[in-house]
N, C-alpha and C. Protein backbone atom coordinates (compact mmCIF):
# COMPACT_ATOMS: atom_id res chain seq x y z
N MET A 1 -0.74 3.63 -5.86
CA MET A 1 -1.78 2.77 -5.47
C MET A 1 -3.27 2.96 -5.98
N TYR A 2 -4.13 2.15 -5.95
CA TYR A 2 -5.40 2.43 -6.21
C TYR A 2 -6.41 2.47 -5.21
N ALA A 3 -7.15 3.46 -5.13
CA ALA A 3 -8.59 3.43 -4.25
C ALA A 3 -9.75 3.59 -5.01
N PRO A 4 -10.56 2.81 -4.81
CA PRO A 4 -11.83 2.68 -5.87
C PRO A 4 -12.66 4.04 -5.30
N GLY A 5 -13.26 4.28 -6.46
CA GLY A 5 -14.27 5.38 -6.18
C GLY A 5 -15.55 5.18 -5.39
N PRO A 6 -16.33 6.15 -5.46
CA PRO A 6 -17.84 5.70 -4.66
C PRO A 6 -18.51 4.91 -5.88
N THR A 7 -19.45 4.32 -5.28
CA THR A 7 -20.40 3.42 -6.21
C THR A 7 -21.36 4.32 -6.56
N GLN A 8 -22.26 3.99 -7.57
CA GLN A 8 -23.43 4.71 -7.85
C GLN A 8 -24.39 4.86 -6.83
N GLU A 9 -24.64 4.13 -6.10
CA GLU A 9 -25.77 4.06 -5.07
C GLU A 9 -25.17 5.28 -4.24
N GLU A 10 -23.82 5.20 -3.72
CA GLU A 10 -23.28 6.07 -2.84
C GLU A 10 -23.40 7.70 -3.67
N LEU A 11 -23.34 7.71 -4.74
CA LEU A 11 -23.69 8.96 -5.56
C LEU A 11 -24.96 9.52 -5.48
N ASP A 12 -25.81 8.53 -5.63
CA ASP A 12 -27.22 8.58 -5.62
C ASP A 12 -27.82 9.26 -4.23
N LEU A 13 -27.14 8.94 -3.27
CA LEU A 13 -27.60 9.21 -2.05
C LEU A 13 -27.11 10.73 -1.62
N LEU A 14 -25.96 11.05 -2.28
CA LEU A 14 -25.37 12.47 -2.27
C LEU A 14 -26.11 13.50 -3.15
N GLY A 15 -26.97 12.90 -4.25
CA GLY A 15 -27.21 13.55 -5.35
C GLY A 15 -26.24 14.27 -6.46
N ILE A 16 -25.21 13.31 -6.40
CA ILE A 16 -24.42 13.89 -7.51
C ILE A 16 -23.95 12.85 -8.47
N SER A 17 -23.20 13.29 -9.65
CA SER A 17 -22.96 12.31 -10.82
C SER A 17 -21.58 11.86 -10.59
N MET A 18 -21.18 10.94 -11.45
CA MET A 18 -19.77 10.59 -11.37
C MET A 18 -18.92 11.62 -12.06
N GLU A 19 -19.45 12.53 -12.96
CA GLU A 19 -18.51 13.61 -13.17
C GLU A 19 -18.09 14.57 -12.40
N ASP A 20 -18.75 14.73 -11.31
CA ASP A 20 -18.66 15.58 -9.93
C ASP A 20 -17.58 14.91 -9.18
N VAL A 21 -17.09 13.88 -9.37
CA VAL A 21 -16.02 13.23 -8.59
C VAL A 21 -14.70 13.11 -9.16
N GLU A 22 -13.80 13.26 -8.29
CA GLU A 22 -12.33 13.41 -8.97
C GLU A 22 -12.06 11.96 -9.29
N ASP A 23 -11.21 11.91 -10.47
CA ASP A 23 -10.80 10.61 -10.97
C ASP A 23 -9.59 9.95 -10.10
N THR A 24 -9.94 8.59 -9.43
CA THR A 24 -9.06 7.91 -8.29
C THR A 24 -8.47 6.91 -9.05
N SER A 25 -8.51 6.80 -10.61
CA SER A 25 -7.98 5.53 -11.25
C SER A 25 -6.38 5.37 -10.96
N SER A 26 -5.60 6.64 -10.65
CA SER A 26 -4.22 6.52 -10.42
C SER A 26 -3.98 7.44 -9.65
N THR A 27 -2.61 7.37 -9.06
CA THR A 27 -2.09 7.87 -7.87
C THR A 27 -0.69 8.12 -8.22
N ASP A 28 -0.27 9.63 -8.10
CA ASP A 28 1.16 9.85 -8.22
C ASP A 28 1.94 9.51 -6.83
N ILE A 29 3.20 9.02 -7.26
CA ILE A 29 4.12 8.72 -6.00
C ILE A 29 5.15 9.53 -6.22
N TRP A 30 5.52 10.36 -4.98
CA TRP A 30 6.35 11.18 -4.85
C TRP A 30 7.79 10.37 -4.90
N PRO A 31 8.93 10.99 -5.32
CA PRO A 31 10.05 10.42 -5.67
C PRO A 31 10.65 9.77 -4.31
N GLU A 32 10.53 10.38 -3.36
CA GLU A 32 11.16 9.97 -2.06
C GLU A 32 10.52 8.82 -1.37
N ASN A 33 9.29 8.55 -2.07
CA ASN A 33 8.50 7.14 -1.41
C ASN A 33 8.50 6.07 -2.39
N LEU A 34 8.97 6.38 -3.73
CA LEU A 34 9.22 5.38 -4.76
C LEU A 34 9.82 3.97 -4.33
N SER A 35 10.84 3.96 -3.61
CA SER A 35 11.67 2.89 -3.36
C SER A 35 10.64 1.98 -2.32
N ALA A 36 10.08 2.52 -1.27
CA ALA A 36 9.23 2.21 -0.38
C ALA A 36 8.12 1.18 -1.22
N TYR A 37 7.63 2.14 -2.22
CA TYR A 37 6.33 1.64 -2.87
C TYR A 37 6.74 0.39 -3.61
N LEU A 38 7.77 0.34 -4.15
CA LEU A 38 8.38 -0.72 -5.20
C LEU A 38 8.72 -1.87 -4.17
N VAL A 39 9.29 -1.67 -3.09
CA VAL A 39 9.38 -2.86 -2.24
C VAL A 39 7.80 -3.35 -1.63
N PHE A 40 7.16 -2.60 -1.16
CA PHE A 40 5.60 -2.88 -0.77
C PHE A 40 4.95 -3.66 -1.84
N ASP A 41 5.28 -3.24 -3.05
CA ASP A 41 4.30 -3.88 -4.09
C ASP A 41 5.20 -5.31 -4.38
N ALA A 42 6.36 -5.46 -4.27
CA ALA A 42 7.08 -6.42 -4.63
C ALA A 42 6.57 -7.64 -3.28
N MET A 43 6.45 -7.09 -2.31
CA MET A 43 6.13 -8.09 -1.14
C MET A 43 4.82 -8.41 -1.19
N ARG A 44 4.05 -8.14 -2.10
CA ARG A 44 2.40 -8.46 -2.10
C ARG A 44 1.94 -9.93 -2.01
N THR A 45 2.88 -10.63 -2.34
CA THR A 45 2.64 -12.07 -1.98
C THR A 45 3.25 -12.84 -0.69
N GLN A 46 3.71 -11.85 0.22
CA GLN A 46 4.43 -12.21 1.21
C GLN A 46 3.76 -11.92 2.56
N TRP A 47 2.53 -11.82 2.62
CA TRP A 47 1.56 -11.51 3.78
C TRP A 47 1.45 -13.03 4.48
N ARG A 48 1.49 -12.84 5.78
CA ARG A 48 1.39 -13.76 6.98
C ARG A 48 -0.27 -13.86 7.12
N VAL A 49 -0.78 -14.92 7.16
CA VAL A 49 -2.20 -14.93 7.38
C VAL A 49 -2.68 -15.81 8.29
N GLY A 50 -3.64 -15.49 9.24
CA GLY A 50 -3.88 -16.29 10.29
C GLY A 50 -5.57 -16.50 10.05
N MET A 51 -6.18 -17.05 11.17
CA MET A 51 -7.66 -17.37 11.09
C MET A 51 -8.40 -16.05 10.63
N ALA A 52 -7.80 -14.90 11.13
CA ALA A 52 -8.88 -13.69 10.93
C ALA A 52 -8.27 -13.02 9.58
N GLY A 53 -7.54 -13.46 8.85
CA GLY A 53 -7.00 -12.86 7.76
C GLY A 53 -5.44 -12.45 7.76
N ALA A 54 -5.05 -11.69 7.17
CA ALA A 54 -3.60 -11.15 7.04
C ALA A 54 -3.34 -10.45 8.47
N THR A 55 -2.31 -10.89 8.91
CA THR A 55 -1.46 -10.44 10.25
C THR A 55 -0.40 -9.41 10.01
N GLY A 56 0.28 -9.49 8.91
CA GLY A 56 1.37 -8.66 8.41
C GLY A 56 2.25 -9.20 7.41
N LEU A 57 3.25 -8.57 6.96
CA LEU A 57 4.08 -8.95 5.94
C LEU A 57 5.13 -9.96 6.60
N ASP A 58 5.76 -10.92 5.91
CA ASP A 58 6.78 -11.65 6.27
C ASP A 58 8.03 -11.08 5.80
N TYR A 59 8.51 -10.52 7.07
CA TYR A 59 9.73 -9.62 6.93
C TYR A 59 11.03 -10.49 6.73
N ALA A 60 10.82 -11.89 6.73
CA ALA A 60 12.07 -12.78 6.58
C ALA A 60 12.47 -12.55 4.86
N ALA A 61 11.16 -12.32 4.03
CA ALA A 61 11.51 -12.19 2.54
C ALA A 61 12.07 -10.76 2.20
N LEU A 62 12.02 -9.83 3.29
CA LEU A 62 12.43 -8.31 2.96
C LEU A 62 13.83 -8.22 2.21
N PRO A 63 14.97 -8.98 2.90
CA PRO A 63 16.34 -9.03 2.49
C PRO A 63 16.58 -9.16 1.06
N ALA A 64 15.90 -10.34 0.80
CA ALA A 64 15.67 -10.95 -0.69
C ALA A 64 15.28 -9.76 -1.78
N THR A 65 14.04 -9.40 -1.34
CA THR A 65 13.40 -8.54 -2.00
C THR A 65 14.12 -7.24 -2.34
N LEU A 66 14.64 -6.53 -1.34
CA LEU A 66 15.84 -5.35 -1.68
C LEU A 66 16.69 -5.77 -2.48
N ASP A 67 17.28 -6.92 -2.37
CA ASP A 67 18.35 -7.34 -3.23
C ASP A 67 17.87 -7.49 -4.65
N PHE A 68 16.77 -8.19 -4.92
CA PHE A 68 16.42 -8.60 -6.24
C PHE A 68 15.95 -6.86 -7.09
N LEU A 69 15.55 -6.05 -5.98
CA LEU A 69 15.03 -4.72 -6.69
C LEU A 69 16.42 -3.87 -6.88
N GLY A 70 17.35 -4.22 -6.23
CA GLY A 70 18.70 -3.40 -6.42
C GLY A 70 18.63 -2.20 -5.67
N ILE A 71 17.69 -2.20 -4.69
CA ILE A 71 17.62 -0.88 -3.52
C ILE A 71 18.75 -0.54 -3.00
N GLU A 72 19.38 0.51 -3.29
CA GLU A 72 20.68 1.24 -2.49
C GLU A 72 20.48 2.05 -1.55
N PHE A 73 21.08 2.10 -0.60
CA PHE A 73 21.09 2.77 0.66
C PHE A 73 22.11 4.05 0.70
N ASP A 74 21.75 5.30 1.21
CA ASP A 74 22.78 6.43 1.30
C ASP A 74 22.00 7.21 2.56
N GLU A 75 22.77 8.36 2.72
CA GLU A 75 22.17 9.22 3.53
C GLU A 75 20.78 9.75 3.34
N ASP A 76 20.17 9.66 2.01
CA ASP A 76 19.01 10.12 1.79
C ASP A 76 17.98 9.08 2.05
N LEU A 77 18.41 7.76 1.86
CA LEU A 77 17.49 6.72 2.21
C LEU A 77 18.35 5.63 2.75
N THR A 78 18.00 5.25 4.22
CA THR A 78 18.34 4.49 5.03
C THR A 78 17.66 3.16 5.22
N ARG A 79 18.22 1.98 5.39
CA ARG A 79 17.32 0.84 5.63
C ARG A 79 16.08 1.06 6.59
N ARG A 80 16.54 1.78 7.76
CA ARG A 80 15.50 2.17 8.71
C ARG A 80 14.39 2.95 8.17
N GLN A 81 14.63 4.07 7.32
CA GLN A 81 13.62 4.87 6.73
C GLN A 81 12.88 3.96 5.95
N LEU A 82 13.55 3.23 4.95
CA LEU A 82 12.68 2.39 4.02
C LEU A 82 11.83 1.35 4.85
N PHE A 83 12.40 0.84 5.86
CA PHE A 83 11.60 -0.16 6.65
C PHE A 83 10.37 0.53 7.24
N SER A 84 10.41 1.65 7.90
CA SER A 84 9.43 2.43 8.38
C SER A 84 8.39 2.67 7.44
N GLN A 85 8.79 3.19 6.21
CA GLN A 85 7.92 3.54 5.11
C GLN A 85 7.03 2.30 4.93
N VAL A 86 7.78 1.22 4.53
CA VAL A 86 7.03 0.02 4.24
C VAL A 86 6.19 -0.48 5.32
N ARG A 87 6.49 -0.40 6.77
CA ARG A 87 5.54 -0.65 7.75
C ARG A 87 4.42 0.17 7.87
N PHE A 88 4.50 1.43 7.31
CA PHE A 88 3.51 2.38 7.41
C PHE A 88 2.44 1.89 6.40
N MET A 89 2.97 1.49 5.37
CA MET A 89 1.93 1.03 4.12
C MET A 89 1.40 -0.39 4.66
N GLU A 90 2.09 -1.31 5.18
CA GLU A 90 1.63 -2.56 5.81
C GLU A 90 0.24 -2.00 6.87
N TYR A 91 0.53 -1.25 7.63
CA TYR A 91 -0.35 -0.97 8.58
C TYR A 91 -1.53 -0.24 8.22
N GLU A 92 -1.61 0.42 7.29
CA GLU A 92 -2.78 0.85 6.36
C GLU A 92 -3.39 0.11 5.56
N ALA A 93 -2.57 -0.93 5.16
CA ALA A 93 -3.33 -1.85 4.33
C ALA A 93 -3.99 -2.98 5.24
N LEU A 94 -3.40 -3.26 6.46
CA LEU A 94 -4.03 -3.84 7.62
C LEU A 94 -5.30 -3.41 7.70
N SER A 95 -5.18 -2.24 7.99
CA SER A 95 -6.49 -1.30 8.52
C SER A 95 -7.58 -1.65 7.47
N LEU A 96 -7.15 -1.42 6.25
CA LEU A 96 -8.35 -1.56 5.18
C LEU A 96 -8.90 -2.72 5.00
N MET A 97 -7.99 -3.93 5.15
CA MET A 97 -8.50 -5.07 5.03
C MET A 97 -9.42 -5.50 6.35
N ALA A 98 -9.11 -4.90 7.43
CA ALA A 98 -9.85 -5.18 8.59
C ALA A 98 -11.31 -4.58 8.32
N GLN A 99 -11.43 -3.40 7.75
CA GLN A 99 -12.69 -2.54 7.38
C GLN A 99 -13.31 -3.57 6.41
N GLN A 100 -12.82 -4.15 5.44
CA GLN A 100 -13.43 -4.94 4.42
C GLN A 100 -14.11 -6.23 5.25
N ARG A 101 -13.52 -6.65 6.21
CA ARG A 101 -13.95 -8.06 6.68
C ARG A 101 -15.32 -7.59 7.49
N LYS A 102 -15.57 -6.51 7.85
CA LYS A 102 -16.76 -6.15 8.75
C LYS A 102 -17.93 -6.04 7.88
């Protein structure tokens, strides 16, 4: 996932330059989180939206998404674990969207 770096104005306030800041243009994904990331990314057009913006993912689209992606479950990755991981990303995304609306 991508997290934008600080703006030049923010850097100026701190008295530092862009060279002093860690590159945030890419993020590594741990292997145990890859399936959840792929599902979350594939669900990016499945947000339910109300008057105040996004309210959550449309879980009705989840089974088809899992099928299309060919996600397989075993003792290392259960459906419950994957759903929990996707919900965690959904919560964080909703939190970020709420901050951006302020």
